Amino acid sequence: SLSQAHTLSCAVFLSNIPEKTKSFTTAGLIASHYQVYCGLTSQGQLIAVKQVILDSSDADAANKEYSRLQGEVELLKTLRHINIVGFLGTSLQQHVVSIFMEYIPGGSIASIIHRFGPLPERVLALYTQQILEGVAYLHVNRVIHRDLKGNNVMLMPTGVIKLIDFGCARRLSCMHHTTCNSVDLLKSVHGTPYWMAPETFVLSLQIINETGYGRKSDIWSVGCTVFEMATGKPPLAHMDKMAKQKSTV
């Protein structure tokens, strides 16, 4: 279980105010909600703590959400790259799942743009290279992020980029560039409309080469994130989300 397999060897004290709050609906129409806190360990280290409260009044929903979180944890603990947020451990206490991760104090690229405006070309190139290196590492390891955007790209004070939020990520079952069944991926739409590839808006039940669907959709999202860094807004930001989907498709 989460509470036994990857626990920290020290106590963690949480800040009073969450640094990030996010609500979303998964493919199974389960409303999910989590908050991210800054935590202080009993060894004096700052860490990030993502907390999800399981619905104790609905056992089926709680089990599905717990299973989804287990998948996220199993994926996170296999990733080791300078441009991927570091995984530290988990715990389960009284229907609250906590995922402990590397603390990234610089904030998200979206917040940097909000503070400083569109990025200078030299900085844009530096950040883009690191984003691509992180995504390349994921793809080599058959992982599709599926929600790349400025809010999910964090910055260390030293200028090092970190990709975060793997709640939508999936690991592909196919190792090689051969045709494989990607129906599960095609049936589940994840991401944020302004950064999503056109093919994610049109659900097809046919068998598609996984390299033609999953990896390319991440690259599209990287391109949208680069556009966001260069201009301060994602592509087609003047449209509402539904109009954007129709225009892209």
C-alpha atoms as a PDB file:
ATOM      1  CA  SER A   1       0.000   0.000   0.000  1.00  0.00           C
ATOM      2  CA  LEU A   2       0.994   3.644  -0.266  1.00  0.00           C
ATOM      3  CA  SER A   3       1.316   3.948   3.493  1.00  0.00           C
ATOM      4  CA  GLN A   4       3.844   1.125   3.726  1.00  0.00           C
ATOM      5  CA  ALA A   5       5.906   1.108   0.541  1.00  0.00           C
ATOM      6  CA  HIS A   6       7.478   4.542   0.176  1.00  0.00           C
ATOM      7  CA  THR A   7       7.148   6.409   3.477  1.00  0.00           C
ATOM      8  CA  LEU A   8       9.633   9.063   4.545  1.00  0.00           C
ATOM      9  CA  SER A   9      11.973   8.266   7.418  1.00  0.00           C
ATOM     10  CA  CYS A  10      11.144  11.552   9.164  1.00  0.00           C
ATOM     11  CA  ALA A  11       8.149  13.602  10.290  1.00  0.00           C
ATOM     12  CA  VAL A  12       6.731  16.338   8.044  1.00  0.00           C
ATOM     13  CA  PHE A  13       5.109  19.579   9.187  1.00  0.00           C
ATOM     14  CA  LEU A  14       2.877  21.370   6.659  1.00  0.00           C
ATOM     15  CA  SER A  15       2.498  25.083   6.046  1.00  0.00           C
ATOM     16  CA  ASN A  16      -0.892  26.531   6.987  1.00  0.00           C
ATOM     17  CA  ILE A  17      -1.733  27.748   3.472  1.00  0.00           C
ATOM     18  CA  PRO A  18      -1.527  25.560   0.343  1.00  0.00           C
ATOM     19  CA  GLU A  19       0.698  26.834  -2.456  1.00  0.00           C
ATOM     20  CA  LYS A  20      -1.453  25.234  -5.154  1.00  0.00           C
ATOM     21  CA  THR A  21      -5.033  24.001  -5.356  1.00  0.00           C
ATOM     22  CA  LYS A  22      -6.375  22.075  -8.334  1.00  0.00           C
ATOM     23  CA  SER A  23      -9.716  20.477  -9.144  1.00  0.00           C
ATOM     24  CA  PHE A  24     -10.343  18.316 -12.199  1.00  0.00           C
ATOM     25  CA  THR A  25     -12.469  15.491 -13.541  1.00  0.00           C
ATOM     26  CA  THR A  26     -10.848  12.245 -14.641  1.00  0.00           C
ATOM     27  CA  ALA A  27     -11.926  10.094 -17.575  1.00  0.00           C
ATOM     28  CA  GLY A  28     -14.199   8.120 -15.270  1.00  0.00           C
ATOM     29  CA  LEU A  29     -15.993  11.333 -14.296  1.00  0.00           C
ATOM     30  CA  ILE A  30     -14.565  11.249 -10.787  1.00  0.00           C
ATOM     31  CA  ALA A  31     -14.213  14.745  -9.402  1.00  0.00           C
ATOM     32  CA  SER A  32     -10.692  15.046  -8.000  1.00  0.00           C
ATOM     33  CA  HIS A  33      -9.242  17.745  -5.839  1.00  0.00           C
ATOM     34  CA  TYR A  34      -5.790  18.188  -4.422  1.00  0.00           C
ATOM     35  CA  GLN A  35      -3.669  20.770  -2.690  1.00  0.00           C
ATOM     36  CA  VAL A  36       0.096  21.211  -2.653  1.00  0.00           C
ATOM     37  CA  TYR A  37       1.780  22.414   0.524  1.00  0.00           C
ATOM     38  CA  CYS A  38       5.312  23.305   1.473  1.00  0.00           C
ATOM     39  CA  GLY A  39       6.450  20.851   4.124  1.00  0.00           C
ATOM     40  CA  LEU A  40       9.257  21.057   6.659  1.00  0.00           C
ATOM     41  CA  THR A  41      10.761  17.718   7.661  1.00  0.00           C
ATOM     42  CA  SER A  42      12.067  16.954  11.135  1.00  0.00           C
ATOM     43  CA  GLN A  43      15.522  16.932   9.509  1.00  0.00           C
ATOM     44  CA  GLY A  44      15.097  20.570   8.475  1.00  0.00           C
ATOM     45  CA  GLN A  45      14.445  20.032   4.744  1.00  0.00           C
ATOM     46  CA  LEU A  46      11.769  21.805   2.701  1.00  0.00           C
ATOM     47  CA  ILE A  47       9.693  19.475   0.519  1.00  0.00           C
ATOM     48  CA  ALA A  48       6.502  19.709  -1.558  1.00  0.00           C
ATOM     49  CA  VAL A  49       3.507  17.731  -0.283  1.00  0.00           C
ATOM     50  CA  LYS A  50       0.612  16.928  -2.622  1.00  0.00           C
ATOM     51  CA  GLN A  51      -2.461  15.912  -0.629  1.00  0.00           C
ATOM     52  CA  VAL A  52      -5.619  14.228  -1.883  1.00  0.00           C
ATOM     53  CA  ILE A  53      -8.565  13.589   0.448  1.00  0.00           C
ATOM     54  CA  LEU A  54     -10.375  10.363  -0.430  1.00  0.00           C
ATOM     55  CA  ASP A  55     -14.176  10.454  -0.222  1.00  0.00           C
ATOM     56  CA  SER A  56     -14.938   8.230   2.776  1.00  0.00           C
ATOM     57  CA  SER A  57     -18.684   8.414   2.014  1.00  0.00           C
ATOM     58  CA  ASP A  58     -18.275   6.756  -1.413  1.00  0.00           C
ATOM     59  CA  ALA A  59     -16.176   3.599  -1.269  1.00  0.00           C
ATOM     60  CA  ASP A  60     -16.179   3.014  -5.044  1.00  0.00           C
ATOM     61  CA  ALA A  61     -15.030   6.551  -5.820  1.00  0.00           C
ATOM     62  CA  ALA A  62     -12.399   6.386  -3.073  1.00  0.00           C
ATOM     63  CA  ASN A  63     -11.044   3.078  -4.389  1.00  0.00           C
ATOM     64  CA  LYS A  64     -10.848   4.404  -7.965  1.00  0.00           C
ATOM     65  CA  GLU A  65      -9.067   7.556  -6.854  1.00  0.00           C
ATOM     66  CA  TYR A  66      -6.703   5.544  -4.650  1.00  0.00           C
ATOM     67  CA  SER A  67      -5.912   3.243  -7.575  1.00  0.00           C
ATOM     68  CA  ARG A  68      -5.220   6.269  -9.801  1.00  0.00           C
ATOM     69  CA  LEU A  69      -2.874   7.713  -7.177  1.00  0.00           C
ATOM     70  CA  GLN A  70      -1.082   4.372  -6.870  1.00  0.00           C
ATOM     71  CA  GLY A  71      -0.454   4.489 -10.612  1.00  0.00           C
ATOM     72  CA  GLU A  72       0.918   8.021 -10.342  1.00  0.00           C
ATOM     73  CA  VAL A  73       3.240   6.996  -7.509  1.00  0.00           C
ATOM     74  CA  GLU A  74       4.456   3.850  -9.284  1.00  0.00           C
ATOM     75  CA  LEU A  75       5.324   5.981 -12.310  1.00  0.00           C
ATOM     76  CA  LEU A  76       6.962   8.796 -10.334  1.00  0.00           C
ATOM     77  CA  LYS A  77       9.264   6.503  -8.376  1.00  0.00           C
ATOM     78  CA  THR A  78      10.815   5.199 -11.631  1.00  0.00           C
ATOM     79  CA  LEU A  79      11.732   8.659 -12.962  1.00  0.00           C
ATOM     80  CA  ARG A  80      15.215  10.052 -12.300  1.00  0.00           C
ATOM     81  CA  HIS A  81      16.190  13.107 -14.349  1.00  0.00           C
ATOM     82  CA  ILE A  82      17.393  16.614 -13.558  1.00  0.00           C
ATOM     83  CA  ASN A  83      14.414  18.100 -15.421  1.00  0.00           C
ATOM     84  CA  ILE A  84      11.777  15.921 -13.698  1.00  0.00           C
ATOM     85  CA  VAL A  85      10.517  16.691 -10.190  1.00  0.00           C
ATOM     86  CA  GLY A  86      12.070  14.299  -7.671  1.00  0.00           C
ATOM     87  CA  PHE A  87       9.846  11.781  -5.852  1.00  0.00           C
ATOM     88  CA  LEU A  88      10.513  11.296  -2.123  1.00  0.00           C
ATOM     89  CA  GLY A  89       7.736   9.112  -0.713  1.00  0.00           C
ATOM     90  CA  THR A  90       4.063   8.747   0.209  1.00  0.00           C
ATOM     91  CA  SER A  91       1.757   8.185   3.138  1.00  0.00           C
ATOM     92  CA  LEU A  92      -1.908   7.348   3.760  1.00  0.00           C
ATOM     93  CA  GLN A  93      -3.481   8.601   6.977  1.00  0.00           C
ATOM     94  CA  GLN A  94      -7.225   8.813   7.678  1.00  0.00           C
ATOM     95  CA  HIS A  95      -8.304   8.974   4.025  1.00  0.00           C
ATOM     96  CA  VAL A  96      -5.631  11.552   3.167  1.00  0.00           C
ATOM     97  CA  VAL A  97      -3.027  10.497   0.598  1.00  0.00           C
ATOM     98  CA  SER A  98       0.192  12.534   0.714  1.00  0.00           C
ATOM     99  CA  ILE A  99       2.801  12.427  -2.042  1.00  0.00           C
ATOM    100  CA  PHE A 100       6.164  13.907  -1.027  1.00  0.00           C
ATOM    101  CA  MET A 101       8.272  15.517  -3.725  1.00  0.00           C
ATOM    102  CA  GLU A 102      11.220  17.796  -4.302  1.00  0.00           C
ATOM    103  CA  TYR A 103      10.416  21.413  -3.386  1.00  0.00           C
ATOM    104  CA  ILE A 104      10.812  23.855  -6.281  1.00  0.00           C
ATOM    105  CA  PRO A 105      10.790  27.413  -4.892  1.00  0.00           C
ATOM    106  CA  GLY A 106      11.030  29.341  -8.150  1.00  0.00           C
ATOM    107  CA  GLY A 107       7.380  28.868  -9.109  1.00  0.00           C
ATOM    108  CA  SER A 108       5.867  27.849 -12.431  1.00  0.00           C
ATOM    109  CA  ILE A 109       6.739  29.220 -15.855  1.00  0.00           C
ATOM    110  CA  ALA A 110       3.187  30.597 -15.979  1.00  0.00           C
ATOM    111  CA  SER A 111       3.828  32.575 -12.790  1.00  0.00           C
ATOM    112  CA  ILE A 112       7.193  33.781 -14.130  1.00  0.00           C
ATOM    113  CA  ILE A 113       5.466  35.064 -17.277  1.00  0.00           C
ATOM    114  CA  HIS A 114       2.817  36.757 -15.140  1.00  0.00           C
ATOM    115  CA  ARG A 115       5.534  38.552 -13.155  1.00  0.00           C
ATOM    116  CA  PHE A 116       8.012  39.400 -15.918  1.00  0.00           C
ATOM    117  CA  GLY A 117       6.051  39.159 -19.171  1.00  0.00           C
ATOM    118  CA  PRO A 118       7.109  37.221 -22.308  1.00  0.00           C
ATOM    119  CA  LEU A 119      10.578  35.756 -21.932  1.00  0.00           C
ATOM    120  CA  PRO A 120      13.681  37.104 -23.706  1.00  0.00           C
ATOM    121  CA  GLU A 121      14.857  34.911 -26.571  1.00  0.00           C
ATOM    122  CA  ARG A 122      17.972  33.694 -24.747  1.00  0.00           C
ATOM    123  CA  VAL A 123      15.974  32.652 -21.669  1.00  0.00           C
ATOM    124  CA  LEU A 124      13.284  31.118 -23.872  1.00  0.00           C
ATOM    125  CA  ALA A 125      15.894  28.978 -25.635  1.00  0.00           C
ATOM    126  CA  LEU A 126      17.429  27.885 -22.322  1.00  0.00           C
ATOM    127  CA  TYR A 127      14.085  26.819 -20.871  1.00  0.00           C
ATOM    128  CA  THR A 128      12.899  25.175 -24.102  1.00  0.00           C
ATOM    129  CA  GLN A 129      16.030  23.023 -24.313  1.00  0.00           C
ATOM    130  CA  GLN A 130      15.484  21.751 -20.774  1.00  0.00           C
ATOM    131  CA  ILE A 131      11.783  21.085 -21.335  1.00  0.00           C
ATOM    132  CA  LEU A 132      12.670  19.047 -24.423  1.00  0.00           C
ATOM    133  CA  GLU A 133      15.341  17.118 -22.509  1.00  0.00           C
ATOM    134  CA  GLY A 134      12.823  16.243 -19.807  1.00  0.00           C
ATOM    135  CA  VAL A 135      10.196  15.195 -22.353  1.00  0.00           C
ATOM    136  CA  ALA A 136      12.767  13.175 -24.321  1.00  0.00           C
ATOM    137  CA  TYR A 137      13.636  11.283 -21.130  1.00  0.00           C
ATOM    138  CA  LEU A 138       9.954  10.540 -20.523  1.00  0.00           C
ATOM    139  CA  HIS A 139       9.423   9.331 -24.078  1.00  0.00           C
ATOM    140  CA  VAL A 140      12.497   7.091 -24.026  1.00  0.00           C
ATOM    141  CA  ASN A 141      10.946   5.524 -20.931  1.00  0.00           C
ATOM    142  CA  ARG A 142       7.558   5.205 -22.714  1.00  0.00           C
ATOM    143  CA  VAL A 143       5.885   7.833 -20.526  1.00  0.00           C
ATOM    144  CA  ILE A 144       3.451  10.382 -21.960  1.00  0.00           C
ATOM    145  CA  HIS A 145       2.884  13.388 -19.698  1.00  0.00           C
ATOM    146  CA  ARG A 146      -0.417  14.475 -21.335  1.00  0.00           C
ATOM    147  CA  ASP A 147      -0.697  17.823 -19.515  1.00  0.00           C
ATOM    148  CA  LEU A 148       2.359  19.871 -20.451  1.00  0.00           C
ATOM    149  CA  LYS A 149       1.824  23.626 -20.041  1.00  0.00           C
ATOM    150  CA  GLY A 150       3.339  26.626 -18.282  1.00  0.00           C
ATOM    151  CA  ASN A 151       1.652  25.770 -14.984  1.00  0.00           C
ATOM    152  CA  ASN A 152       3.272  22.314 -14.988  1.00  0.00           C
ATOM    153  CA  VAL A 153       6.788  23.519 -15.774  1.00  0.00           C
ATOM    154  CA  MET A 154       8.579  24.737 -12.648  1.00  0.00           C
ATOM    155  CA  LEU A 155      11.778  26.712 -12.196  1.00  0.00           C
ATOM    156  CA  MET A 156      14.564  26.328  -9.658  1.00  0.00           C
ATOM    157  CA  PRO A 157      16.300  29.571  -8.571  1.00  0.00           C
ATOM    158  CA  THR A 158      19.383  28.343 -10.450  1.00  0.00           C
ATOM    159  CA  GLY A 159      17.478  28.308 -13.767  1.00  0.00           C
ATOM    160  CA  VAL A 160      16.923  24.543 -13.851  1.00  0.00           C
ATOM    161  CA  ILE A 161      13.545  23.514 -15.286  1.00  0.00           C
ATOM    162  CA  LYS A 162      11.463  20.773 -13.632  1.00  0.00           C
ATOM    163  CA  LEU A 163       8.424  19.069 -15.155  1.00  0.00           C
ATOM    164  CA  ILE A 164       5.721  18.388 -12.556  1.00  0.00           C
ATOM    165  CA  ASP A 165       2.174  17.030 -12.124  1.00  0.00           C
ATOM    166  CA  PHE A 166       2.123  13.454 -13.422  1.00  0.00           C
ATOM    167  CA  GLY A 167      -1.495  12.823 -12.462  1.00  0.00           C
ATOM    168  CA  CYS A 168      -2.491  12.489 -16.134  1.00  0.00           C
ATOM    169  CA  ALA A 169       0.667  10.677 -17.267  1.00  0.00           C
ATOM    170  CA  ARG A 170       0.592   7.173 -18.709  1.00  0.00           C
ATOM    171  CA  ARG A 171       3.263   4.602 -19.477  1.00  0.00           C
ATOM    172  CA  LEU A 172       2.863   2.951 -22.863  1.00  0.00           C
ATOM    173  CA  SER A 173       2.973  -0.836 -23.045  1.00  0.00           C
ATOM    174  CA  CYS A 174       4.764  -0.881 -26.404  1.00  0.00           C
ATOM    175  CA  MET A 175       8.537  -0.805 -26.458  1.00  0.00           C
ATOM    176  CA  HIS A 176       9.216  -0.434 -30.177  1.00  0.00           C
ATOM    177  CA  HIS A 177       7.914   1.472 -33.184  1.00  0.00           C
ATOM    178  CA  THR A 178       5.387  -1.200 -34.064  1.00  0.00           C
ATOM    179  CA  THR A 179       1.616  -1.074 -34.252  1.00  0.00           C
ATOM    180  CA  CYS A 180      -0.014  -1.623 -30.877  1.00  0.00           C
ATOM    181  CA  ASN A 181      -3.404  -1.200 -29.270  1.00  0.00           C
ATOM    182  CA  SER A 182      -3.745   2.321 -27.885  1.00  0.00           C
ATOM    183  CA  VAL A 183      -7.492   2.206 -27.298  1.00  0.00           C
ATOM    184  CA  ASP A 184      -7.086   3.001 -23.588  1.00  0.00           C
ATOM    185  CA  LEU A 185      -5.174   6.167 -24.403  1.00  0.00           C
ATOM    186  CA  LEU A 186      -7.638   7.174 -27.094  1.00  0.00           C
ATOM    187  CA  LYS A 187     -10.642   6.765 -24.821  1.00  0.00           C
ATOM    188  CA  SER A 188      -9.218   8.999 -22.096  1.00  0.00           C
ATOM    189  CA  VAL A 189      -8.855  12.685 -22.852  1.00  0.00           C
ATOM    190  CA  HIS A 190      -6.478  14.502 -20.529  1.00  0.00           C
ATOM    191  CA  GLY A 191      -4.862  17.892 -20.596  1.00  0.00           C
ATOM    192  CA  THR A 192      -5.836  21.544 -20.886  1.00  0.00           C
ATOM    193  CA  PRO A 193      -7.549  22.637 -24.139  1.00  0.00           C
ATOM    194  CA  TYR A 194      -5.200  25.479 -25.154  1.00  0.00           C
ATOM    195  CA  TRP A 195      -2.209  23.113 -24.946  1.00  0.00           C
ATOM    196  CA  MET A 196      -3.840  19.924 -26.283  1.00  0.00           C
ATOM    197  CA  ALA A 197      -3.041  18.359 -29.660  1.00  0.00           C
ATOM    198  CA  PRO A 198      -5.891  18.119 -32.216  1.00  0.00           C
ATOM    199  CA  GLU A 199      -5.992  14.315 -32.112  1.00  0.00           C
ATOM    200  CA  THR A 200      -6.880  14.366 -28.409  1.00  0.00           C
ATOM    201  CA  PHE A 201     -10.140  16.127 -29.252  1.00  0.00           C
ATOM    202  CA  VAL A 202     -11.245  13.443 -31.724  1.00  0.00           C
ATOM    203  CA  LEU A 203     -11.591  10.035 -30.083  1.00  0.00           C
ATOM    204  CA  SER A 204     -10.970   7.181 -32.510  1.00  0.00           C
ATOM    205  CA  LEU A 205     -11.531   3.508 -31.737  1.00  0.00           C
ATOM    206  CA  GLN A 206      -9.090   2.308 -34.379  1.00  0.00           C
ATOM    207  CA  ILE A 207      -5.678   0.875 -33.494  1.00  0.00           C
ATOM    208  CA  ILE A 208      -3.029   3.561 -33.909  1.00  0.00           C
ATOM    209  CA  ASN A 209       0.734   3.375 -33.714  1.00  0.00           C
ATOM    210  CA  GLU A 210       1.546   4.628 -30.208  1.00  0.00           C
ATOM    211  CA  THR A 211       4.432   6.758 -31.411  1.00  0.00           C
ATOM    212  CA  GLY A 212       2.047   8.600 -33.722  1.00  0.00           C
ATOM    213  CA  TYR A 213      -0.423   9.471 -31.001  1.00  0.00           C
ATOM    214  CA  GLY A 214       0.992   9.785 -27.534  1.00  0.00           C
ATOM    215  CA  ARG A 215       4.454  11.161 -28.063  1.00  0.00           C
ATOM    216  CA  LYS A 216       3.410  13.594 -30.771  1.00  0.00           C
ATOM    217  CA  SER A 217       0.635  14.993 -28.601  1.00  0.00           C
ATOM    218  CA  ASP A 218       3.245  15.829 -25.945  1.00  0.00           C
ATOM    219  CA  ILE A 219       5.398  17.570 -28.565  1.00  0.00           C
ATOM    220  CA  TRP A 220       2.388  19.654 -29.632  1.00  0.00           C
ATOM    221  CA  SER A 221       1.929  20.708 -25.998  1.00  0.00           C
ATOM    222  CA  VAL A 222       5.616  21.646 -25.785  1.00  0.00           C
ATOM    223  CA  GLY A 223       5.148  23.852 -28.843  1.00  0.00           C
ATOM    224  CA  CYS A 224       2.157  25.528 -27.204  1.00  0.00           C
ATOM    225  CA  THR A 225       4.220  26.072 -24.047  1.00  0.00           C
ATOM    226  CA  VAL A 226       7.035  27.652 -26.085  1.00  0.00           C
ATOM    227  CA  PHE A 227       4.427  29.934 -27.693  1.00  0.00           C
ATOM    228  CA  GLU A 228       3.170  30.766 -24.191  1.00  0.00           C
ATOM    229  CA  MET A 229       6.690  31.671 -23.034  1.00  0.00           C
ATOM    230  CA  ALA A 230       7.333  33.788 -26.142  1.00  0.00           C
ATOM    231  CA  THR A 231       4.054  35.727 -26.170  1.00  0.00           C
ATOM    232  CA  GLY A 232       2.711  35.480 -22.631  1.00  0.00           C
ATOM    233  CA  LYS A 233      -0.380  33.530 -23.742  1.00  0.00           C
ATOM    234  CA  PRO A 234      -1.108  30.079 -25.230  1.00  0.00           C
ATOM    235  CA  PRO A 235      -2.138  29.751 -28.893  1.00  0.00           C
ATOM    236  CA  LEU A 236      -5.704  30.899 -29.672  1.00  0.00           C
ATOM    237  CA  ALA A 237      -6.036  32.347 -26.166  1.00  0.00           C
ATOM    238  CA  HIS A 238      -8.591  34.851 -27.491  1.00  0.00           C
ATOM    239  CA  MET A 239     -11.055  31.993 -28.068  1.00  0.00           C
ATOM    240  CA  ASP A 240     -13.051  30.239 -25.390  1.00  0.00           C
ATOM    241  CA  LYS A 241     -12.122  26.607 -24.804  1.00  0.00           C
ATOM    242  CA  MET A 242     -14.904  25.070 -26.917  1.00  0.00           C
ATOM    243  CA  ALA A 243     -14.214  27.377 -29.862  1.00  0.00           C
ATOM    244  CA  LYS A 244     -10.518  26.565 -29.577  1.00  0.00           C
ATOM    245  CA  GLN A 245     -11.243  22.842 -29.790  1.00  0.00           C
ATOM    246  CA  LYS A 246     -13.367  23.277 -32.927  1.00  0.00           C
ATOM    247  CA  SER A 247     -10.791  25.575 -34.547  1.00  0.00           C
ATOM    248  CA  THR A 248      -7.895  23.195 -33.855  1.00  0.00           C
ATOM    249  CA  VAL A 249      -9.719  20.111 -35.102  1.00  0.00           C
END
